[in-house]
N, C-alpha and C. Protein backbone atom coordinates (compact mmCIF):
# COMPACT_ATOMS: atom_id res chain seq x y z
N UNK A 1 70.80 120.02 132.88
CA UNK A 1 70.96 118.55 132.87
C UNK A 1 71.57 118.10 134.19
N UNK A 2 70.94 117.16 134.86
CA UNK A 2 71.41 116.68 136.16
C UNK A 2 72.68 115.85 136.00
N UNK A 3 73.38 115.65 137.13
CA UNK A 3 74.62 114.87 137.10
C UNK A 3 74.37 113.44 136.65
N UNK A 4 73.25 112.85 137.14
CA UNK A 4 72.94 111.46 136.76
C UNK A 4 72.63 111.36 135.27
N UNK A 5 71.93 112.37 134.73
CA UNK A 5 71.61 112.38 133.30
C UNK A 5 72.88 112.51 132.47
N UNK A 6 73.79 113.39 132.91
CA UNK A 6 75.07 113.56 132.21
C UNK A 6 75.87 112.26 132.24
N UNK A 7 75.88 111.61 133.42
CA UNK A 7 76.62 110.36 133.56
C UNK A 7 76.07 109.29 132.61
N UNK A 8 74.74 109.21 132.55
CA UNK A 8 74.10 108.23 131.67
C UNK A 8 74.43 108.53 130.21
N UNK A 9 74.40 109.83 129.86
CA UNK A 9 74.69 110.24 128.48
C UNK A 9 76.11 109.85 128.08
N UNK A 10 77.07 110.14 128.94
CA UNK A 10 78.46 109.85 128.61
C UNK A 10 78.75 108.35 128.62
N UNK A 11 78.04 107.60 129.44
CA UNK A 11 78.18 106.15 129.43
C UNK A 11 77.69 105.56 128.12
N UNK A 12 76.55 106.08 127.63
CA UNK A 12 76.02 105.63 126.35
C UNK A 12 76.94 106.02 125.21
N UNK A 13 77.46 107.24 125.28
CA UNK A 13 78.39 107.71 124.24
C UNK A 13 79.65 106.86 124.22
N UNK A 14 80.16 106.54 125.41
CA UNK A 14 81.34 105.70 125.51
C UNK A 14 81.08 104.32 124.93
N UNK A 15 79.90 103.77 125.19
CA UNK A 15 79.53 102.45 124.69
C UNK A 15 79.41 102.47 123.16
N UNK A 16 78.81 103.54 122.62
CA UNK A 16 78.68 103.67 121.17
C UNK A 16 80.06 103.75 120.52
N UNK A 17 80.95 104.55 121.11
CA UNK A 17 82.30 104.67 120.56
C UNK A 17 83.03 103.34 120.60
N UNK A 18 82.85 102.58 121.66
CA UNK A 18 83.49 101.27 121.78
C UNK A 18 82.99 100.33 120.69
N UNK A 19 81.67 100.35 120.45
CA UNK A 19 81.09 99.50 119.40
C UNK A 19 81.61 99.89 118.03
N UNK A 20 81.75 101.20 117.79
CA UNK A 20 82.26 101.67 116.50
C UNK A 20 83.69 101.22 116.28
N UNK A 21 84.51 101.32 117.32
CA UNK A 21 85.91 100.90 117.21
C UNK A 21 85.99 99.40 116.95
N UNK A 22 85.18 98.62 117.65
CA UNK A 22 85.17 97.17 117.46
C UNK A 22 84.69 96.79 116.06
N UNK A 23 83.67 97.50 115.58
CA UNK A 23 83.16 97.25 114.23
C UNK A 23 84.21 97.58 113.18
N UNK A 24 84.93 98.67 113.43
CA UNK A 24 86.00 99.07 112.52
C UNK A 24 87.11 98.03 112.48
N UNK A 25 87.51 97.54 113.64
CA UNK A 25 88.55 96.51 113.71
C UNK A 25 88.10 95.23 113.00
N UNK A 26 86.83 94.87 113.19
CA UNK A 26 86.30 93.68 112.52
C UNK A 26 86.35 93.85 111.00
N UNK A 27 86.00 95.05 110.52
CA UNK A 27 86.01 95.32 109.08
C UNK A 27 87.43 95.25 108.53
N UNK A 28 88.40 95.75 109.30
CA UNK A 28 89.79 95.68 108.88
C UNK A 28 90.24 94.23 108.75
N UNK A 29 89.85 93.40 109.72
CA UNK A 29 90.20 91.97 109.67
C UNK A 29 89.53 91.29 108.47
N UNK A 30 88.25 91.60 108.24
CA UNK A 30 87.53 90.97 107.13
C UNK A 30 88.12 91.34 105.78
N UNK A 31 88.52 92.61 105.63
CA UNK A 31 89.05 93.05 104.34
C UNK A 31 90.47 92.57 104.08
N UNK A 32 91.02 91.83 105.03
CA UNK A 32 92.28 91.15 104.74
C UNK A 32 92.05 90.06 103.70
N UNK A 33 90.83 89.50 103.69
CA UNK A 33 90.50 88.41 102.76
C UNK A 33 89.39 88.78 101.77
N UNK A 34 88.54 89.73 102.15
CA UNK A 34 87.38 90.09 101.34
C UNK A 34 87.53 91.52 100.83
N UNK A 35 87.34 91.74 99.54
CA UNK A 35 87.44 93.08 98.98
C UNK A 35 86.29 93.95 99.49
N UNK A 36 86.56 95.23 99.73
CA UNK A 36 85.50 96.12 100.24
C UNK A 36 84.35 96.21 99.24
N UNK A 37 83.11 96.04 99.69
CA UNK A 37 81.96 96.09 98.78
C UNK A 37 81.90 97.40 97.99
N UNK A 38 82.20 98.50 98.69
CA UNK A 38 82.21 99.83 98.07
C UNK A 38 82.99 100.75 98.98
N UNK A 39 83.50 101.85 98.45
CA UNK A 39 84.21 102.83 99.27
C UNK A 39 83.53 104.18 99.14
N UNK A 40 83.84 105.07 100.07
CA UNK A 40 83.24 106.42 100.03
C UNK A 40 83.66 107.15 98.76
N UNK A 41 84.87 106.90 98.29
CA UNK A 41 85.36 107.57 97.08
C UNK A 41 84.60 107.07 95.85
N UNK A 42 84.27 105.79 95.84
CA UNK A 42 83.47 105.24 94.74
C UNK A 42 82.06 105.83 94.78
N UNK A 43 81.49 105.94 95.96
CA UNK A 43 80.16 106.55 96.10
C UNK A 43 80.19 108.00 95.64
N UNK A 44 81.27 108.70 96.00
CA UNK A 44 81.43 110.09 95.56
C UNK A 44 81.49 110.20 94.05
N UNK A 45 82.14 109.24 93.41
CA UNK A 45 82.22 109.24 91.95
C UNK A 45 80.84 109.11 91.33
N UNK A 46 80.00 108.27 91.92
CA UNK A 46 78.63 108.11 91.43
C UNK A 46 77.84 109.40 91.57
N UNK A 47 77.96 110.06 92.72
CA UNK A 47 77.23 111.29 92.96
C UNK A 47 77.71 112.43 92.06
N UNK A 48 79.00 112.39 91.70
CA UNK A 48 79.55 113.42 90.82
C UNK A 48 79.23 113.18 89.36
N UNK A 49 78.60 112.06 89.06
CA UNK A 49 78.18 111.78 87.69
C UNK A 49 79.21 111.08 86.84
N UNK A 50 80.29 110.57 87.47
CA UNK A 50 81.34 109.89 86.70
C UNK A 50 81.04 108.40 86.51
N UNK A 51 80.09 107.88 87.26
CA UNK A 51 79.79 106.46 87.18
C UNK A 51 80.76 105.64 88.00
N UNK A 52 80.69 104.34 87.82
CA UNK A 52 81.56 103.43 88.58
C UNK A 52 81.91 102.23 87.72
N UNK A 53 83.14 102.25 87.19
CA UNK A 53 83.67 101.10 86.45
C UNK A 53 84.64 100.40 87.39
N UNK A 54 84.37 99.16 87.74
CA UNK A 54 85.18 98.45 88.71
C UNK A 54 85.11 96.96 88.44
N UNK A 55 86.24 96.29 88.61
CA UNK A 55 86.27 94.84 88.42
C UNK A 55 87.39 94.28 89.30
N UNK A 56 87.03 93.82 90.49
CA UNK A 56 88.04 93.26 91.39
C UNK A 56 88.63 91.98 90.82
N UNK A 57 89.95 91.86 90.93
CA UNK A 57 90.64 90.64 90.51
C UNK A 57 91.68 90.27 91.56
N UNK A 58 92.12 89.02 91.55
CA UNK A 58 93.16 88.57 92.47
C UNK A 58 94.53 89.06 92.01
N UNK A 59 95.47 89.07 92.94
CA UNK A 59 96.82 89.54 92.63
C UNK A 59 97.44 88.76 91.47
N UNK A 60 97.13 87.46 91.40
CA UNK A 60 97.69 86.62 90.35
C UNK A 60 97.21 87.04 88.96
N UNK A 61 96.07 87.71 88.89
CA UNK A 61 95.50 88.12 87.60
C UNK A 61 95.95 89.52 87.17
N UNK A 62 96.72 90.19 88.02
CA UNK A 62 97.08 91.58 87.74
C UNK A 62 98.30 91.70 86.84
N UNK A 63 99.15 90.70 86.86
CA UNK A 63 100.37 90.78 86.07
C UNK A 63 101.45 91.56 86.80
N UNK A 64 102.69 91.22 86.52
CA UNK A 64 103.81 91.86 87.20
C UNK A 64 104.00 93.31 86.79
N UNK A 65 103.71 93.64 85.53
CA UNK A 65 103.96 94.99 85.04
C UNK A 65 103.13 96.04 85.78
N UNK A 66 101.87 95.73 86.05
CA UNK A 66 101.00 96.68 86.75
C UNK A 66 101.51 96.92 88.17
N UNK A 67 101.89 95.86 88.86
CA UNK A 67 102.39 95.99 90.23
C UNK A 67 103.69 96.79 90.26
N UNK A 68 104.58 96.45 89.34
CA UNK A 68 105.87 97.14 89.28
C UNK A 68 105.68 98.61 88.96
N UNK A 69 104.78 98.92 88.05
CA UNK A 69 104.57 100.31 87.64
C UNK A 69 104.09 101.19 88.79
N UNK A 70 103.14 100.71 89.58
CA UNK A 70 102.62 101.56 90.67
C UNK A 70 103.64 101.71 91.79
N UNK A 71 104.44 100.68 92.04
CA UNK A 71 105.51 100.81 93.04
C UNK A 71 106.53 101.84 92.59
N UNK A 72 106.92 101.77 91.32
CA UNK A 72 107.91 102.72 90.80
C UNK A 72 107.37 104.15 90.77
N UNK A 73 106.09 104.28 90.48
CA UNK A 73 105.49 105.61 90.37
C UNK A 73 105.16 106.23 91.71
N UNK A 74 104.67 105.41 92.64
CA UNK A 74 104.10 105.94 93.87
C UNK A 74 104.95 105.76 95.13
N UNK A 75 105.71 104.66 95.19
CA UNK A 75 106.32 104.34 96.48
C UNK A 75 107.41 103.29 96.30
N UNK A 76 108.60 103.74 95.90
CA UNK A 76 109.68 102.80 95.61
C UNK A 76 110.25 102.14 96.87
N UNK A 77 109.97 102.72 98.04
CA UNK A 77 110.42 102.12 99.29
C UNK A 77 109.34 101.25 99.93
N UNK A 78 108.28 100.96 99.19
CA UNK A 78 107.16 100.19 99.71
C UNK A 78 107.58 98.88 100.41
N UNK A 79 108.53 98.11 99.85
CA UNK A 79 108.91 96.86 100.53
C UNK A 79 109.63 97.09 101.86
N UNK A 80 110.19 98.29 102.07
CA UNK A 80 111.10 98.52 103.19
C UNK A 80 110.46 99.23 104.39
N UNK A 81 109.48 100.11 104.15
CA UNK A 81 108.98 100.91 105.27
C UNK A 81 107.84 100.21 106.00
N UNK A 82 107.44 100.78 107.13
CA UNK A 82 106.37 100.20 107.94
C UNK A 82 105.03 100.90 107.72
N UNK A 83 104.92 101.54 106.56
CA UNK A 83 103.68 102.26 106.23
C UNK A 83 103.89 103.73 106.01
N UNK A 84 105.03 104.26 106.51
CA UNK A 84 105.29 105.70 106.43
C UNK A 84 106.72 105.94 105.97
N UNK A 85 106.88 106.84 105.02
CA UNK A 85 108.20 107.23 104.53
C UNK A 85 108.53 108.57 105.18
N UNK A 86 109.22 108.52 106.31
CA UNK A 86 109.45 109.74 107.10
C UNK A 86 110.37 110.73 106.40
N UNK A 87 111.31 110.25 105.61
CA UNK A 87 112.17 111.17 104.85
C UNK A 87 111.35 111.95 103.84
N UNK A 88 110.43 111.26 103.15
CA UNK A 88 109.57 111.93 102.17
C UNK A 88 108.63 112.91 102.86
N UNK A 89 108.16 112.57 104.04
CA UNK A 89 107.27 113.47 104.80
C UNK A 89 108.01 114.75 105.16
N UNK A 90 109.26 114.62 105.63
CA UNK A 90 110.05 115.80 106.00
C UNK A 90 110.29 116.70 104.78
N UNK A 91 110.62 116.09 103.65
CA UNK A 91 110.85 116.87 102.43
C UNK A 91 109.58 117.58 101.98
N UNK A 92 108.44 116.88 102.07
CA UNK A 92 107.16 117.48 101.68
C UNK A 92 106.79 118.65 102.58
N UNK A 93 107.03 118.49 103.89
CA UNK A 93 106.72 119.56 104.84
C UNK A 93 107.59 120.79 104.56
N UNK A 94 108.86 120.56 104.27
CA UNK A 94 109.77 121.67 103.95
C UNK A 94 109.34 122.37 102.66
N UNK A 95 108.94 121.57 101.67
CA UNK A 95 108.47 122.12 100.39
C UNK A 95 107.20 122.94 100.58
N UNK A 96 106.26 122.39 101.35
CA UNK A 96 104.96 123.05 101.53
C UNK A 96 105.05 124.30 102.41
N UNK A 97 106.10 124.39 103.22
CA UNK A 97 106.28 125.58 104.07
C UNK A 97 106.76 126.79 103.27
N UNK A 98 107.26 126.53 102.07
CA UNK A 98 107.74 127.62 101.22
C UNK A 98 106.55 128.31 100.55
N UNK A 99 106.30 129.59 100.85
CA UNK A 99 105.13 130.29 100.27
C UNK A 99 105.17 130.41 98.76
N UNK A 100 106.35 130.22 98.16
CA UNK A 100 106.46 130.30 96.71
C UNK A 100 105.78 129.11 96.03
N UNK A 101 105.65 128.01 96.76
CA UNK A 101 105.04 126.80 96.20
C UNK A 101 103.54 126.82 96.47
N UNK A 102 102.78 127.10 95.45
CA UNK A 102 101.32 127.21 95.60
C UNK A 102 100.65 125.85 95.62
N UNK A 103 101.25 124.87 94.95
CA UNK A 103 100.68 123.53 94.92
C UNK A 103 101.32 122.67 95.99
N UNK A 104 100.51 122.08 96.88
CA UNK A 104 101.03 121.26 97.96
C UNK A 104 101.59 119.95 97.43
N UNK A 105 102.66 119.50 98.08
CA UNK A 105 103.31 118.26 97.70
C UNK A 105 102.96 117.19 98.73
N UNK A 106 102.56 116.01 98.29
CA UNK A 106 102.21 114.93 99.19
C UNK A 106 103.37 113.98 99.40
N UNK A 107 103.22 113.11 100.43
CA UNK A 107 104.26 112.11 100.71
C UNK A 107 103.64 110.80 101.14
N UNK A 108 102.43 110.53 100.66
CA UNK A 108 101.72 109.33 101.08
C UNK A 108 102.31 108.08 100.43
N UNK A 109 102.46 107.05 101.22
CA UNK A 109 102.91 105.76 100.71
C UNK A 109 101.72 105.01 100.11
N UNK A 110 102.00 103.90 99.47
CA UNK A 110 100.93 103.04 98.96
C UNK A 110 100.04 102.56 100.11
N UNK A 111 100.66 102.28 101.25
CA UNK A 111 99.90 101.84 102.43
C UNK A 111 98.94 102.93 102.88
N UNK A 112 99.41 104.17 102.96
CA UNK A 112 98.55 105.28 103.37
C UNK A 112 97.42 105.51 102.36
N UNK A 113 97.75 105.44 101.09
CA UNK A 113 96.72 105.64 100.07
C UNK A 113 95.67 104.53 100.11
N UNK A 114 96.11 103.31 100.40
CA UNK A 114 95.17 102.20 100.51
C UNK A 114 94.24 102.40 101.70
N UNK A 115 94.81 102.81 102.83
CA UNK A 115 94.00 103.08 104.03
C UNK A 115 92.96 104.15 103.74
N UNK A 116 93.38 105.21 103.04
CA UNK A 116 92.43 106.29 102.71
C UNK A 116 91.37 105.79 101.74
N UNK A 117 91.79 105.08 100.70
CA UNK A 117 90.84 104.65 99.67
C UNK A 117 89.79 103.67 100.20
N UNK A 118 90.19 102.79 101.10
CA UNK A 118 89.28 101.74 101.58
C UNK A 118 88.41 102.23 102.73
N UNK A 119 88.99 102.96 103.69
CA UNK A 119 88.29 103.26 104.93
C UNK A 119 87.86 104.71 105.09
N UNK A 120 88.43 105.62 104.30
CA UNK A 120 88.20 107.04 104.55
C UNK A 120 87.68 107.76 103.30
N UNK A 121 88.09 109.00 103.13
CA UNK A 121 87.58 109.83 102.05
C UNK A 121 88.69 110.79 101.62
N UNK A 122 88.51 111.44 100.49
CA UNK A 122 89.49 112.42 100.03
C UNK A 122 89.43 113.67 100.91
N UNK A 123 90.57 114.29 101.10
CA UNK A 123 90.60 115.51 101.90
C UNK A 123 91.94 115.69 102.58
N UNK A 124 92.18 116.87 103.15
CA UNK A 124 93.47 117.17 103.76
C UNK A 124 93.36 117.62 105.21
N UNK A 125 92.19 117.50 105.83
CA UNK A 125 92.08 117.98 107.21
C UNK A 125 92.77 117.02 108.17
N UNK A 126 93.05 117.53 109.38
CA UNK A 126 93.86 116.77 110.34
C UNK A 126 93.11 115.56 110.90
N UNK A 127 91.79 115.64 110.99
CA UNK A 127 91.02 114.49 111.47
C UNK A 127 91.20 113.30 110.52
N UNK A 128 91.04 113.58 109.21
CA UNK A 128 91.21 112.50 108.24
C UNK A 128 92.63 111.97 108.25
N UNK A 129 93.60 112.87 108.37
CA UNK A 129 95.00 112.45 108.40
C UNK A 129 95.28 111.55 109.61
N UNK A 130 94.71 111.94 110.76
CA UNK A 130 94.89 111.12 111.96
C UNK A 130 94.30 109.74 111.79
N UNK A 131 93.11 109.67 111.21
CA UNK A 131 92.47 108.37 110.94
C UNK A 131 93.27 107.56 109.92
N UNK A 132 93.89 108.27 108.98
CA UNK A 132 94.71 107.59 107.98
C UNK A 132 95.92 106.92 108.63
N UNK A 133 96.56 107.62 109.56
CA UNK A 133 97.70 107.06 110.29
C UNK A 133 97.28 105.80 111.05
N UNK A 134 96.14 105.89 111.74
CA UNK A 134 95.60 104.77 112.51
C UNK A 134 95.35 103.55 111.62
N UNK A 135 94.67 103.76 110.50
CA UNK A 135 94.34 102.65 109.61
C UNK A 135 95.58 102.12 108.89
N UNK A 136 96.51 102.99 108.56
CA UNK A 136 97.75 102.54 107.91
C UNK A 136 98.53 101.62 108.83
N UNK A 137 98.65 102.01 110.10
CA UNK A 137 99.34 101.18 111.08
C UNK A 137 98.70 99.80 111.17
N UNK A 138 97.38 99.75 111.20
CA UNK A 138 96.67 98.48 111.38
C UNK A 138 96.75 97.59 110.14
N UNK A 139 96.63 98.15 108.94
CA UNK A 139 96.70 97.27 107.77
C UNK A 139 98.12 96.77 107.54
N UNK A 140 99.12 97.57 107.91
CA UNK A 140 100.50 97.07 107.84
C UNK A 140 100.69 95.90 108.81
N UNK A 141 100.03 95.99 109.96
CA UNK A 141 100.15 94.95 110.98
C UNK A 141 99.33 93.71 110.63
N UNK A 142 98.12 93.91 110.12
CA UNK A 142 97.18 92.80 109.92
C UNK A 142 97.22 92.24 108.51
N UNK A 143 97.27 93.12 107.50
CA UNK A 143 97.20 92.65 106.11
C UNK A 143 98.55 92.19 105.57
N UNK A 144 99.56 92.97 105.82
CA UNK A 144 100.90 92.80 105.25
C UNK A 144 100.95 93.32 103.80
N UNK A 145 102.18 93.35 103.27
CA UNK A 145 102.45 94.10 102.04
C UNK A 145 101.72 93.59 100.80
N UNK A 146 101.72 92.28 100.57
CA UNK A 146 101.13 91.77 99.34
C UNK A 146 99.63 92.08 99.27
N UNK A 147 98.95 91.96 100.41
CA UNK A 147 97.51 92.26 100.43
C UNK A 147 97.28 93.76 100.24
N UNK A 148 98.12 94.57 100.82
CA UNK A 148 97.98 96.02 100.65
C UNK A 148 98.13 96.40 99.18
N UNK A 149 99.14 95.85 98.52
CA UNK A 149 99.36 96.15 97.11
C UNK A 149 98.20 95.66 96.25
N UNK A 150 97.72 94.46 96.53
CA UNK A 150 96.59 93.91 95.78
C UNK A 150 95.35 94.79 95.95
N UNK A 151 95.07 95.19 97.19
CA UNK A 151 93.89 96.02 97.44
C UNK A 151 94.02 97.38 96.80
N UNK A 152 95.21 97.97 96.90
CA UNK A 152 95.44 99.27 96.27
C UNK A 152 95.15 99.20 94.77
N UNK A 153 95.63 98.15 94.13
CA UNK A 153 95.42 98.02 92.69
C UNK A 153 93.98 97.70 92.32
N UNK A 154 93.18 97.32 93.29
CA UNK A 154 91.76 97.06 93.04
C UNK A 154 90.87 98.27 93.31
N UNK A 155 91.29 99.17 94.20
CA UNK A 155 90.39 100.26 94.60
C UNK A 155 90.86 101.65 94.16
N UNK A 156 92.12 101.80 93.77
CA UNK A 156 92.61 103.13 93.39
C UNK A 156 91.87 103.66 92.17
N UNK A 157 91.56 104.95 92.21
CA UNK A 157 90.89 105.58 91.06
C UNK A 157 91.92 105.82 89.97
N UNK A 158 91.64 105.34 88.76
CA UNK A 158 92.59 105.41 87.66
C UNK A 158 91.98 106.07 86.43
N UNK A 159 91.08 106.97 86.67
CA UNK A 159 90.38 107.68 85.62
C UNK A 159 89.03 108.13 86.17
N UNK A 160 88.31 108.93 85.44
CA UNK A 160 87.01 109.41 85.91
C UNK A 160 86.03 108.25 86.03
N UNK A 161 85.75 107.86 87.26
CA UNK A 161 84.84 106.75 87.50
C UNK A 161 85.43 105.38 87.25
N UNK A 162 86.74 105.31 87.02
CA UNK A 162 87.43 104.05 86.73
C UNK A 162 88.25 103.65 87.96
N UNK A 163 87.92 102.51 88.55
CA UNK A 163 88.58 102.08 89.78
C UNK A 163 89.21 100.70 89.60
N UNK A 164 90.50 100.64 89.91
CA UNK A 164 91.21 99.38 89.86
C UNK A 164 91.89 99.13 88.53
N UNK A 165 92.94 98.32 88.58
CA UNK A 165 93.78 98.10 87.42
C UNK A 165 93.07 97.33 86.31
N UNK A 166 92.17 96.41 86.67
CA UNK A 166 91.46 95.64 85.63
C UNK A 166 90.51 96.54 84.85
N UNK A 167 89.74 97.36 85.56
CA UNK A 167 88.81 98.28 84.89
C UNK A 167 89.59 99.29 84.05
N UNK A 168 90.74 99.76 84.58
CA UNK A 168 91.56 100.73 83.84
C UNK A 168 92.14 100.10 82.59
N UNK A 169 92.63 98.87 82.71
CA UNK A 169 93.20 98.18 81.56
C UNK A 169 92.15 97.96 80.48
N UNK A 170 90.95 97.62 80.89
CA UNK A 170 89.84 97.44 79.95
C UNK A 170 89.45 98.77 79.31
N UNK A 171 89.40 99.81 80.13
CA UNK A 171 88.96 101.13 79.66
C UNK A 171 89.95 101.73 78.66
N UNK A 172 91.24 101.67 78.98
CA UNK A 172 92.24 102.32 78.14
C UNK A 172 92.75 101.45 76.99
N UNK A 173 92.85 100.13 77.23
CA UNK A 173 93.52 99.28 76.25
C UNK A 173 92.69 98.07 75.81
N UNK A 174 91.50 97.93 76.35
CA UNK A 174 90.61 96.82 75.97
C UNK A 174 91.28 95.47 76.12
N UNK A 175 91.99 95.30 77.24
CA UNK A 175 92.64 94.02 77.53
C UNK A 175 92.68 93.81 79.04
N UNK A 176 92.96 92.60 79.45
CA UNK A 176 93.09 92.30 80.88
C UNK A 176 94.38 92.89 81.43
N UNK A 177 94.37 93.15 82.73
CA UNK A 177 95.54 93.75 83.38
C UNK A 177 96.78 92.88 83.22
N UNK A 178 96.61 91.58 83.22
CA UNK A 178 97.75 90.67 83.11
C UNK A 178 98.46 90.79 81.76
N UNK A 179 97.77 91.38 80.77
CA UNK A 179 98.34 91.50 79.42
C UNK A 179 99.01 92.86 79.17
N UNK A 180 98.99 93.73 80.15
CA UNK A 180 99.57 95.06 79.97
C UNK A 180 101.07 94.98 79.70
N UNK A 181 101.53 95.76 78.73
CA UNK A 181 102.97 95.88 78.51
C UNK A 181 103.54 96.82 79.58
N UNK A 182 104.84 96.90 79.66
CA UNK A 182 105.47 97.82 80.61
C UNK A 182 105.03 99.26 80.33
N UNK A 183 105.03 99.63 79.07
CA UNK A 183 104.68 101.00 78.70
C UNK A 183 103.23 101.31 79.05
N UNK A 184 102.32 100.39 78.79
CA UNK A 184 100.91 100.60 79.10
C UNK A 184 100.68 100.71 80.61
N UNK A 185 101.35 99.83 81.37
CA UNK A 185 101.24 99.89 82.83
C UNK A 185 101.79 101.22 83.36
N UNK A 186 102.88 101.69 82.75
CA UNK A 186 103.48 102.96 83.17
C UNK A 186 102.55 104.13 82.87
N UNK A 187 101.82 104.06 81.75
CA UNK A 187 100.86 105.12 81.43
C UNK A 187 99.76 105.19 82.48
N UNK A 188 99.22 104.05 82.86
CA UNK A 188 98.16 104.05 83.87
C UNK A 188 98.69 104.56 85.21
N UNK A 189 99.89 104.11 85.59
CA UNK A 189 100.48 104.57 86.86
C UNK A 189 100.78 106.06 86.85
N UNK A 190 101.03 106.61 85.68
CA UNK A 190 101.41 108.03 85.60
C UNK A 190 100.28 108.98 86.01
N UNK A 191 99.03 108.53 85.94
CA UNK A 191 97.91 109.43 86.27
C UNK A 191 97.38 109.23 87.69
N UNK A 192 97.97 108.29 88.44
CA UNK A 192 97.43 107.96 89.76
C UNK A 192 97.29 109.14 90.72
N UNK A 193 98.21 110.08 90.79
CA UNK A 193 97.99 111.17 91.75
C UNK A 193 96.81 112.07 91.41
N UNK A 194 96.45 112.15 90.15
CA UNK A 194 95.39 113.09 89.74
C UNK A 194 94.60 112.52 88.56
N UNK A 195 93.90 111.42 88.75
CA UNK A 195 93.27 110.72 87.62
C UNK A 195 92.12 111.47 86.97
N UNK A 196 91.55 112.46 87.66
CA UNK A 196 90.45 113.22 87.07
C UNK A 196 90.95 114.37 86.21
N UNK A 197 92.23 114.69 86.34
CA UNK A 197 92.80 115.82 85.59
C UNK A 197 93.64 115.32 84.43
N UNK A 198 94.48 114.33 84.68
CA UNK A 198 95.37 113.83 83.64
C UNK A 198 94.69 112.75 82.82
N UNK A 199 94.96 112.74 81.54
CA UNK A 199 94.31 111.81 80.62
C UNK A 199 95.37 111.18 79.72
N UNK A 200 95.55 109.88 79.82
CA UNK A 200 96.58 109.24 79.00
C UNK A 200 96.17 109.13 77.53
N UNK A 201 94.90 109.37 77.25
CA UNK A 201 94.46 109.38 75.85
C UNK A 201 94.86 110.68 75.16
N UNK A 202 95.04 111.73 75.98
CA UNK A 202 95.51 113.03 75.47
C UNK A 202 96.60 113.53 76.41
N UNK A 203 97.77 112.90 76.42
CA UNK A 203 98.81 113.23 77.40
C UNK A 203 99.48 114.57 77.13
N UNK A 204 99.68 115.32 78.20
CA UNK A 204 100.44 116.55 78.11
C UNK A 204 101.93 116.20 78.04
N UNK A 205 102.76 117.20 77.78
CA UNK A 205 104.20 116.95 77.71
C UNK A 205 104.74 116.52 79.08
N UNK A 206 104.18 117.10 80.16
CA UNK A 206 104.64 116.73 81.50
C UNK A 206 104.24 115.29 81.84
N UNK A 207 103.06 114.88 81.38
CA UNK A 207 102.64 113.49 81.62
C UNK A 207 103.49 112.53 80.80
N UNK A 208 103.86 112.93 79.59
CA UNK A 208 104.74 112.11 78.76
C UNK A 208 106.09 111.92 79.45
N UNK A 209 106.61 113.02 80.05
CA UNK A 209 107.90 112.91 80.75
C UNK A 209 107.77 112.00 81.97
N UNK A 210 106.65 112.10 82.66
CA UNK A 210 106.46 111.24 83.83
C UNK A 210 106.37 109.78 83.41
N UNK A 211 105.66 109.50 82.34
CA UNK A 211 105.58 108.13 81.83
C UNK A 211 106.96 107.58 81.51
N UNK A 212 107.77 108.38 80.85
CA UNK A 212 109.11 107.94 80.48
C UNK A 212 109.97 107.68 81.72
N UNK A 213 109.78 108.52 82.75
CA UNK A 213 110.53 108.34 84.00
C UNK A 213 110.11 107.05 84.69
N UNK A 214 108.80 106.78 84.76
CA UNK A 214 108.31 105.55 85.39
C UNK A 214 108.84 104.33 84.65
N UNK A 215 108.81 104.39 83.33
CA UNK A 215 109.29 103.27 82.52
C UNK A 215 110.78 103.00 82.79
N UNK A 216 111.55 104.07 82.93
CA UNK A 216 112.97 103.93 83.25
C UNK A 216 113.16 103.30 84.62
N UNK A 217 112.36 103.75 85.60
CA UNK A 217 112.43 103.18 86.95
C UNK A 217 112.05 101.70 86.94
N UNK A 218 111.08 101.34 86.14
CA UNK A 218 110.67 99.93 86.04
C UNK A 218 111.81 99.07 85.53
N UNK A 219 112.50 99.56 84.54
CA UNK A 219 113.63 98.81 83.98
C UNK A 219 114.77 98.70 84.99
N UNK A 220 114.94 99.73 85.81
CA UNK A 220 116.01 99.73 86.80
C UNK A 220 115.70 98.84 88.01
N UNK A 221 114.42 98.77 88.39
CA UNK A 221 114.06 98.14 89.66
C UNK A 221 113.42 96.75 89.53
N UNK A 222 113.16 96.31 88.32
CA UNK A 222 112.44 95.02 88.18
C UNK A 222 113.23 93.84 88.73
N UNK A 223 114.55 93.97 88.82
CA UNK A 223 115.37 92.87 89.35
C UNK A 223 115.72 93.07 90.82
N UNK A 224 115.21 94.13 91.43
CA UNK A 224 115.42 94.31 92.86
C UNK A 224 114.76 93.14 93.60
N UNK A 225 115.50 92.41 94.44
CA UNK A 225 114.96 91.18 95.04
C UNK A 225 113.72 91.40 95.91
N UNK A 226 113.67 92.51 96.65
CA UNK A 226 112.51 92.76 97.53
C UNK A 226 111.27 93.12 96.71
N UNK A 227 111.46 93.92 95.67
CA UNK A 227 110.32 94.28 94.81
C UNK A 227 109.88 93.05 94.02
N UNK A 228 110.84 92.29 93.51
CA UNK A 228 110.51 91.08 92.74
C UNK A 228 109.70 90.10 93.59
N UNK A 229 110.05 89.99 94.87
CA UNK A 229 109.31 89.07 95.76
C UNK A 229 107.87 89.52 95.98
N UNK A 230 107.66 90.84 95.96
CA UNK A 230 106.31 91.38 96.18
C UNK A 230 105.42 91.23 94.96
N UNK A 231 105.99 91.38 93.77
CA UNK A 231 105.14 91.41 92.58
C UNK A 231 104.96 90.06 91.92
N UNK A 232 105.78 89.09 92.29
CA UNK A 232 105.67 87.79 91.60
C UNK A 232 104.36 87.09 91.99
N UNK A 233 103.79 86.36 91.05
CA UNK A 233 102.54 85.65 91.29
C UNK A 233 102.76 84.36 92.08
């Protein structure tokens, strides 16, 4: 390949990369107001044969209990951090470095999980993690907390082929998300880390303990002023 051909190739590649970055930034800005039409994780659910149950709703239709439950279960420092909980990351790294621990421990915030769910795919490789950091930084900057929480509750997988709090509420309790009791919201939040394995219709003893813990946290934190400001309609 001649020098001129190489130069032309790399110029085209650079231009393509620039267009991709610009398109990505545009999509991030658009999804501040518009829900993502579909995500790679939703497409994966279809290919795996789980189907796709989804019903996007506005934050005002979600009810306070659902919002409070996921914050208590997944990220109690959500109102305070800038997208990353560095203390939790350090603890997870120390835990995962111990060869006695066969199951890896995560430290993803709600912001990181939202970035992954909307823009990326499931997985643990460093490329995906790097992209997750990039997207988390941008949605914290562009969307802000209330939009991140609303989007998370609309796109998170909450059962086999069940995405979002409204679809989950309908699937498990045959009611709208706004009507969920504290206990019902805590049950749905309890399966968020592993919704394809844990089943609230047939809860294990460990899942029952987790539900009880989330419910206790909800009672303790519902009057926290920063959390209350985030979840109120």
